[in-house]
Amino acid sequence: MARHARAIRCRVAVVGDAYAVQVEVSDDGSGGTPAVEGHGLIGIRERVSMYDGTLRAGPRAGGGFEVVVRLPVTV
């Protein structure tokens, strides 16, 4: 993300519970919304869907960009 966004800071958080693992990556860059999704987001979306997960990617309300992936836990 940071290589496209002219970001100064990047935050990565991994949280989980008995039902899912969620990975959140956000930055404070000014790259904005990509005109066309890059191969990176397409690849993430394909892999997440293989495991019945969800993907949210887009500009953050306070500026910057965010990618959030949630994958269900199966036992």
PDB file of N, CA and C in Angstrom:
ATOM      1  N   MET A   1       0.820  -1.188   0.000  1.00  0.00           N
ATOM      2  CA  MET A   1       0.000   0.000   0.000  1.00  0.00           C
ATOM      3  C   MET A   1       0.860   1.247   0.000  1.00  0.00           C
ATOM      4  N   ALA A   2       1.836   1.289   0.880  1.00  0.00           N
ATOM      5  CA  ALA A   2       2.615   2.501   1.070  1.00  0.00           C
ATOM      6  C   ALA A   2       3.355   2.923  -0.200  1.00  0.00           C
ATOM      7  N   ARG A   3       3.740   1.989  -1.023  1.00  0.00           N
ATOM      8  CA  ARG A   3       4.507   2.367  -2.209  1.00  0.00           C
ATOM      9  C   ARG A   3       3.676   3.168  -3.205  1.00  0.00           C
ATOM     10  N   HIS A   4       2.350   3.058  -3.159  1.00  0.00           N
ATOM     11  CA  HIS A   4       1.490   3.797  -4.073  1.00  0.00           C
ATOM     12  C   HIS A   4       0.887   5.043  -3.434  1.00  0.00           C
ATOM     13  N   ALA A   5       0.917   5.133  -2.111  1.00  0.00           N
ATOM     14  CA  ALA A   5       0.095   6.124  -1.419  1.00  0.00           C
ATOM     15  C   ALA A   5       0.841   7.357  -0.937  1.00  0.00           C
ATOM     16  N   ARG A   6       2.151   7.386  -1.069  1.00  0.00           N
ATOM     17  CA  ARG A   6       2.935   8.486  -0.516  1.00  0.00           C
ATOM     18  C   ARG A   6       2.636   8.628   0.976  1.00  0.00           C
ATOM     19  N   ALA A   7       2.596   7.498   1.669  1.00  0.00           N
ATOM     20  CA  ALA A   7       2.255   7.481   3.090  1.00  0.00           C
ATOM     21  C   ALA A   7       3.478   7.699   3.966  1.00  0.00           C
ATOM     22  N   ILE A   8       3.233   8.252   5.134  1.00  0.00           N
ATOM     23  CA  ILE A   8       4.273   8.396   6.145  1.00  0.00           C
ATOM     24  C   ILE A   8       4.169   7.258   7.143  1.00  0.00           C
ATOM     25  N   ARG A   9       2.945   6.886   7.476  1.00  0.00           N
ATOM     26  CA  ARG A   9       2.710   5.824   8.457  1.00  0.00           C
ATOM     27  C   ARG A   9       1.813   4.740   7.869  1.00  0.00           C
ATOM     28  N   CYS A  10       2.075   3.524   8.338  1.00  0.00           N
ATOM     29  CA  CYS A  10       1.255   2.375   7.973  1.00  0.00           C
ATOM     30  C   CYS A  10       0.973   1.612   9.263  1.00  0.00           C
ATOM     31  N   ARG A  11      -0.254   1.163   9.432  1.00  0.00           N
ATOM     32  CA  ARG A  11      -0.647   0.424  10.636  1.00  0.00           C
ATOM     33  C   ARG A  11      -1.152  -0.947  10.215  1.00  0.00           C
ATOM     34  N   VAL A  12      -0.696  -1.985  10.924  1.00  0.00           N
ATOM     35  CA  VAL A  12      -1.150  -3.350  10.678  1.00  0.00           C
ATOM     36  C   VAL A  12      -1.676  -3.900  12.007  1.00  0.00           C
ATOM     37  N   ALA A  13      -2.887  -4.440  11.973  1.00  0.00           N
ATOM     38  CA  ALA A  13      -3.466  -5.045  13.171  1.00  0.00           C
ATOM     39  C   ALA A  13      -4.036  -6.403  12.800  1.00  0.00           C
ATOM     40  N   VAL A  14      -3.792  -7.377  13.665  1.00  0.00           N
ATOM     41  CA  VAL A  14      -4.360  -8.714  13.494  1.00  0.00           C
ATOM     42  C   VAL A  14      -5.142  -9.012  14.765  1.00  0.00           C
ATOM     43  N   VAL A  15      -6.434  -9.253  14.618  1.00  0.00           N
ATOM     44  CA  VAL A  15      -7.288  -9.573  15.765  1.00  0.00           C
ATOM     45  C   VAL A  15      -8.075 -10.831  15.447  1.00  0.00           C
ATOM     46  N   GLY A  16      -8.441 -11.538  16.473  1.00  0.00           N
ATOM     47  CA  GLY A  16      -9.191 -12.761  16.234  1.00  0.00           C
ATOM     48  C   GLY A  16     -10.066 -13.111  17.413  1.00  0.00           C
ATOM     49  N   ASP A  17     -10.993 -13.981  17.154  1.00  0.00           N
ATOM     50  CA  ASP A  17     -11.844 -14.542  18.193  1.00  0.00           C
ATOM     51  C   ASP A  17     -12.151 -15.980  17.797  1.00  0.00           C
ATOM     52  N   ALA A  18     -13.112 -16.584  18.429  1.00  0.00           N
ATOM     53  CA  ALA A  18     -13.437 -17.982  18.152  1.00  0.00           C
ATOM     54  C   ALA A  18     -14.015 -18.188  16.760  1.00  0.00           C
ATOM     55  N   TYR A  19     -14.442 -17.112  16.098  1.00  0.00           N
ATOM     56  CA  TYR A  19     -15.149 -17.229  14.828  1.00  0.00           C
ATOM     57  C   TYR A  19     -14.373 -16.755  13.609  1.00  0.00           C
ATOM     58  N   ALA A  20     -13.422 -15.843  13.811  1.00  0.00           N
ATOM     59  CA  ALA A  20     -12.735 -15.276  12.648  1.00  0.00           C
ATOM     60  C   ALA A  20     -11.409 -14.641  13.042  1.00  0.00           C
ATOM     61  N   VAL A  21     -10.559 -14.460  12.025  1.00  0.00           N
ATOM     62  CA  VAL A  21      -9.325 -13.684  12.144  1.00  0.00           C
ATOM     63  C   VAL A  21      -9.471 -12.502  11.202  1.00  0.00           C
ATOM     64  N   GLN A  22      -9.141 -11.322  11.702  1.00  0.00           N
ATOM     65  CA  GLN A  22      -9.252 -10.118  10.879  1.00  0.00           C
ATOM     66  C   GLN A  22      -7.897  -9.433  10.802  1.00  0.00           C
ATOM     67  N   VAL A  23      -7.489  -9.066   9.579  1.00  0.00           N
ATOM     68  CA  VAL A  23      -6.250  -8.343   9.342  1.00  0.00           C
ATOM     69  C   VAL A  23      -6.627  -6.984   8.763  1.00  0.00           C
ATOM     70  N   GLU A  24      -6.123  -5.934   9.418  1.00  0.00           N
ATOM     71  CA  GLU A  24      -6.407  -4.565   8.982  1.00  0.00           C
ATOM     72  C   GLU A  24      -5.086  -3.871   8.661  1.00  0.00           C
ATOM     73  N   VAL A  25      -4.990  -3.314   7.467  1.00  0.00           N
ATOM     74  CA  VAL A  25      -3.808  -2.563   7.055  1.00  0.00           C
ATOM     75  C   VAL A  25      -4.295  -1.194   6.593  1.00  0.00           C
ATOM     76  N   SER A  26      -3.758  -0.137   7.214  1.00  0.00           N
ATOM     77  CA  SER A  26      -4.180   1.213   6.828  1.00  0.00           C
ATOM     78  C   SER A  26      -2.959   2.119   6.771  1.00  0.00           C
ATOM     79  N   ASP A  27      -3.092   3.187   6.011  1.00  0.00           N
ATOM     80  CA  ASP A  27      -2.015   4.164   5.926  1.00  0.00           C
ATOM     81  C   ASP A  27      -2.601   5.570   5.959  1.00  0.00           C
ATOM     82  N   ASP A  28      -1.711   6.551   6.017  1.00  0.00           N
ATOM     83  CA  ASP A  28      -2.141   7.947   6.045  1.00  0.00           C
ATOM     84  C   ASP A  28      -1.780   8.657   4.740  1.00  0.00           C
ATOM     85  N   GLY A  29      -1.634   7.890   3.678  1.00  0.00           N
ATOM     86  CA  GLY A  29      -1.191   8.445   2.405  1.00  0.00           C
ATOM     87  C   GLY A  29      -2.256   9.247   1.679  1.00  0.00           C
ATOM     88  N   SER A  30      -1.847   9.807   0.585  1.00  0.00           N
ATOM     89  CA  SER A  30      -2.748  10.629  -0.225  1.00  0.00           C
ATOM     90  C   SER A  30      -3.014   9.997  -1.579  1.00  0.00           C
ATOM     91  N   GLY A  31      -2.783   8.691  -1.682  1.00  0.00           N
ATOM     92  CA  GLY A  31      -2.971   8.015  -2.958  1.00  0.00           C
ATOM     93  C   GLY A  31      -4.412   7.963  -3.412  1.00  0.00           C
ATOM     94  N   GLY A  32      -5.358   8.005  -2.469  1.00  0.00           N
ATOM     95  CA  GLY A  32      -6.773   8.006  -2.818  1.00  0.00           C
ATOM     96  C   GLY A  32      -7.230   6.690  -3.398  1.00  0.00           C
ATOM     97  N   THR A  33      -8.392   6.696  -3.986  1.00  0.00           N
ATOM     98  CA  THR A  33      -8.975   5.510  -4.580  1.00  0.00           C
ATOM     99  C   THR A  33      -8.304   5.220  -5.907  1.00  0.00           C
ATOM    100  N   PRO A  34      -7.830   3.992  -6.133  1.00  0.00           N
ATOM    101  CA  PRO A  34      -7.228   3.683  -7.428  1.00  0.00           C
ATOM    102  C   PRO A  34      -8.278   3.742  -8.533  1.00  0.00           C
ATOM    103  N   ALA A  35      -7.901   4.282  -9.672  1.00  0.00           N
ATOM    104  CA  ALA A  35      -8.830   4.362 -10.798  1.00  0.00           C
ATOM    105  C   ALA A  35      -9.239   2.979 -11.255  1.00  0.00           C
ATOM    106  N   VAL A  36      -8.298   2.071 -11.240  1.00  0.00           N
ATOM    107  CA  VAL A  36      -8.544   0.668 -11.589  1.00  0.00           C
ATOM    108  C   VAL A  36      -7.884  -0.156 -10.506  1.00  0.00           C
ATOM    109  N   GLU A  37      -8.579  -1.173 -10.008  1.00  0.00           N
ATOM    110  CA  GLU A  37      -7.973  -2.029  -8.992  1.00  0.00           C
ATOM    111  C   GLU A  37      -6.705  -2.655  -9.539  1.00  0.00           C
ATOM    112  N   GLY A  38      -5.669  -2.632  -8.738  1.00  0.00           N
ATOM    113  CA  GLY A  38      -4.435  -3.276  -9.143  1.00  0.00           C
ATOM    114  C   GLY A  38      -4.544  -4.779  -8.996  1.00  0.00           C
ATOM    115  N   HIS A  39      -3.557  -5.481  -9.485  1.00  0.00           N
ATOM    116  CA  HIS A  39      -3.559  -6.942  -9.382  1.00  0.00           C
ATOM    117  C   HIS A  39      -3.483  -7.385  -7.933  1.00  0.00           C
ATOM    118  N   GLY A  40      -2.873  -6.573  -7.069  1.00  0.00           N
ATOM    119  CA  GLY A  40      -2.776  -6.918  -5.655  1.00  0.00           C
ATOM    120  C   GLY A  40      -4.136  -7.084  -5.011  1.00  0.00           C
ATOM    121  N   LEU A  41      -5.024  -6.121  -5.196  1.00  0.00           N
ATOM    122  CA  LEU A  41      -6.363  -6.211  -4.605  1.00  0.00           C
ATOM    123  C   LEU A  41      -7.186  -7.324  -5.240  1.00  0.00           C
ATOM    124  N   ILE A  42      -7.020  -7.521  -6.521  1.00  0.00           N
ATOM    125  CA  ILE A  42      -7.738  -8.616  -7.194  1.00  0.00           C
ATOM    126  C   ILE A  42      -7.264  -9.951  -6.622  1.00  0.00           C
ATOM    127  N   GLY A  43      -5.957 -10.106  -6.456  1.00  0.00           N
ATOM    128  CA  GLY A  43      -5.414 -11.333  -5.898  1.00  0.00           C
ATOM    129  C   GLY A  43      -5.883 -11.569  -4.475  1.00  0.00           C
ATOM    130  N   ILE A  44      -5.905 -10.516  -3.673  1.00  0.00           N
ATOM    131  CA  ILE A  44      -6.396 -10.645  -2.303  1.00  0.00           C
ATOM    132  C   ILE A  44      -7.861 -11.066  -2.318  1.00  0.00           C
ATOM    133  N   ARG A  45      -8.656 -10.419  -3.141  1.00  0.00           N
ATOM    134  CA  ARG A  45     -10.091 -10.747  -3.216  1.00  0.00           C
ATOM    135  C   ARG A  45     -10.305 -12.214  -3.605  1.00  0.00           C
ATOM    136  N   GLU A  46      -9.542 -12.702  -4.578  1.00  0.00           N
ATOM    137  CA  GLU A  46      -9.679 -14.096  -5.020  1.00  0.00           C
ATOM    138  C   GLU A  46      -9.331 -15.064  -3.893  1.00  0.00           C
ATOM    139  N   ARG A  47      -8.247 -14.800  -3.185  1.00  0.00           N
ATOM    140  CA  ARG A  47      -7.832 -15.699  -2.111  1.00  0.00           C
ATOM    141  C   ARG A  47      -8.802 -15.666  -0.931  1.00  0.00           C
ATOM    142  N   VAL A  48      -9.264 -14.485  -0.587  1.00  0.00           N
ATOM    143  CA  VAL A  48     -10.213 -14.348   0.517  1.00  0.00           C
ATOM    144  C   VAL A  48     -11.510 -15.085   0.197  1.00  0.00           C
ATOM    145  N   SER A  49     -11.976 -14.980  -1.033  1.00  0.00           N
ATOM    146  CA  SER A  49     -13.240 -15.646  -1.399  1.00  0.00           C
ATOM    147  C   SER A  49     -13.086 -17.169  -1.377  1.00  0.00           C
ATOM    148  N   MET A  50     -11.884 -17.693  -1.628  1.00  0.00           N
ATOM    149  CA  MET A  50     -11.658 -19.139  -1.564  1.00  0.00           C
ATOM    150  C   MET A  50     -11.938 -19.687  -0.169  1.00  0.00           C
ATOM    151  N   TYR A  51     -11.779 -18.837   0.835  1.00  0.00           N
ATOM    152  CA  TYR A  51     -11.963 -19.262   2.225  1.00  0.00           C
ATOM    153  C   TYR A  51     -13.219 -18.651   2.853  1.00  0.00           C
ATOM    154  N   ASP A  52     -14.157 -18.217   2.014  1.00  0.00           N
ATOM    155  CA  ASP A  52     -15.427 -17.636   2.465  1.00  0.00           C
ATOM    156  C   ASP A  52     -15.241 -16.421   3.364  1.00  0.00           C
ATOM    157  N   GLY A  53     -14.199 -15.650   3.103  1.00  0.00           N
ATOM    158  CA  GLY A  53     -13.939 -14.442   3.880  1.00  0.00           C
ATOM    159  C   GLY A  53     -14.503 -13.213   3.212  1.00  0.00           C
ATOM    160  N   THR A  54     -14.242 -12.075   3.829  1.00  0.00           N
ATOM    161  CA  THR A  54     -14.682 -10.800   3.280  1.00  0.00           C
ATOM    162  C   THR A  54     -13.489  -9.870   3.125  1.00  0.00           C
ATOM    163  N   LEU A  55     -13.598  -8.959   2.174  1.00  0.00           N
ATOM    164  CA  LEU A  55     -12.563  -7.962   1.905  1.00  0.00           C
ATOM    165  C   LEU A  55     -13.228  -6.612   1.780  1.00  0.00           C
ATOM    166  N   ARG A  56     -12.652  -5.633   2.466  1.00  0.00           N
ATOM    167  CA  ARG A  56     -13.079  -4.244   2.293  1.00  0.00           C
ATOM    168  C   ARG A  56     -11.822  -3.433   2.012  1.00  0.00           C
ATOM    169  N   ALA A  57     -11.822  -2.673   0.944  1.00  0.00           N
ATOM    170  CA  ALA A  57     -10.661  -1.861   0.595  1.00  0.00           C
ATOM    171  C   ALA A  57     -11.148  -0.533   0.039  1.00  0.00           C
ATOM    172  N   GLY A  58     -10.543   0.545   0.513  1.00  0.00           N
ATOM    173  CA  GLY A  58     -10.925   1.847   0.001  1.00  0.00           C
ATOM    174  C   GLY A  58     -10.375   2.961   0.867  1.00  0.00           C
ATOM    175  N   PRO A  59     -10.727   4.192   0.508  1.00  0.00           N
ATOM    176  CA  PRO A  59     -10.238   5.346   1.261  1.00  0.00           C
ATOM    177  C   PRO A  59     -10.805   5.354   2.678  1.00  0.00           C
ATOM    178  N   ARG A  60      -9.995   5.818   3.625  1.00  0.00           N
ATOM    179  CA  ARG A  60     -10.435   5.975   5.008  1.00  0.00           C
ATOM    180  C   ARG A  60     -11.118   7.323   5.174  1.00  0.00           C
ATOM    181  N   ALA A  61     -12.029   7.399   6.110  1.00  0.00           N
ATOM    182  CA  ALA A  61     -12.771   8.643   6.356  1.00  0.00           C
ATOM    183  C   ALA A  61     -11.840   9.802   6.697  1.00  0.00           C
ATOM    184  N   GLY A  62     -10.800   9.562   7.476  1.00  0.00           N
ATOM    185  CA  GLY A  62      -9.886  10.633   7.865  1.00  0.00           C
ATOM    186  C   GLY A  62      -8.720  10.822   6.925  1.00  0.00           C
ATOM    187  N   GLY A  63      -8.733  10.189   5.773  1.00  0.00           N
ATOM    188  CA  GLY A  63      -7.638  10.245   4.816  1.00  0.00           C
ATOM    189  C   GLY A  63      -6.850   8.949   4.830  1.00  0.00           C
ATOM    190  N   GLY A  64      -6.178   8.681   3.760  1.00  0.00           N
ATOM    191  CA  GLY A  64      -5.425   7.445   3.640  1.00  0.00           C
ATOM    192  C   GLY A  64      -6.261   6.338   3.022  1.00  0.00           C
ATOM    193  N   PHE A  65      -5.759   5.125   3.118  1.00  0.00           N
ATOM    194  CA  PHE A  65      -6.380   3.970   2.481  1.00  0.00           C
ATOM    195  C   PHE A  65      -6.372   2.818   3.467  1.00  0.00           C
ATOM    196  N   GLU A  66      -7.332   1.921   3.330  1.00  0.00           N
ATOM    197  CA  GLU A  66      -7.468   0.822   4.278  1.00  0.00           C
ATOM    198  C   GLU A  66      -7.850  -0.461   3.551  1.00  0.00           C
ATOM    199  N   VAL A  67      -7.265  -1.560   3.984  1.00  0.00           N
ATOM    200  CA  VAL A  67      -7.644  -2.888   3.506  1.00  0.00           C
ATOM    201  C   VAL A  67      -7.949  -3.728   4.745  1.00  0.00           C
ATOM    202  N   VAL A  68      -9.150  -4.324   4.766  1.00  0.00           N
ATOM    203  CA  VAL A  68      -9.557  -5.150   5.904  1.00  0.00           C
ATOM    204  C   VAL A  68     -10.006  -6.516   5.354  1.00  0.00           C
ATOM    205  N   VAL A  69      -9.379  -7.565   5.863  1.00  0.00           N
ATOM    206  CA  VAL A  69      -9.712  -8.933   5.469  1.00  0.00           C
ATOM    207  C   VAL A  69     -10.195  -9.667   6.703  1.00  0.00           C
ATOM    208  N   ARG A  70     -11.318 -10.352   6.565  1.00  0.00           N
ATOM    209  CA  ARG A  70     -11.850 -11.174   7.668  1.00  0.00           C
ATOM    210  C   ARG A  70     -12.033 -12.586   7.143  1.00  0.00           C
ATOM    211  N   LEU A  71     -11.399 -13.539   7.838  1.00  0.00           N
ATOM    212  CA  LEU A  71     -11.467 -14.942   7.442  1.00  0.00           C
ATOM    213  C   LEU A  71     -12.101 -15.752   8.572  1.00  0.00           C
ATOM    214  N   PRO A  72     -13.112 -16.568   8.236  1.00  0.00           N
ATOM    215  CA  PRO A  72     -13.728 -17.379   9.271  1.00  0.00           C
ATOM    216  C   PRO A  72     -12.779 -18.474   9.757  1.00  0.00           C
ATOM    217  N   VAL A  73     -12.910 -18.808  11.023  1.00  0.00           N
ATOM    218  CA  VAL A  73     -12.123 -19.880  11.617  1.00  0.00           C
ATOM    219  C   VAL A  73     -12.939 -21.166  11.494  1.00  0.00           C
ATOM    220  N   THR A  74     -12.306 -22.202  10.983  1.00  0.00           N
ATOM    221  CA  THR A  74     -12.983 -23.497  10.894  1.00  0.00           C
ATOM    222  C   THR A  74     -12.200 -24.491  11.724  1.00  0.00           C
ATOM    223  N   VAL A  75     -12.916 -25.316  12.421  1.00  0.00           N
ATOM    224  CA  VAL A  75     -12.275 -26.340  13.261  1.00  0.00           C
ATOM    225  C   VAL A  75     -12.735 -27.715  12.910  1.00  0.00           C
TER     226      VAL A  75
END
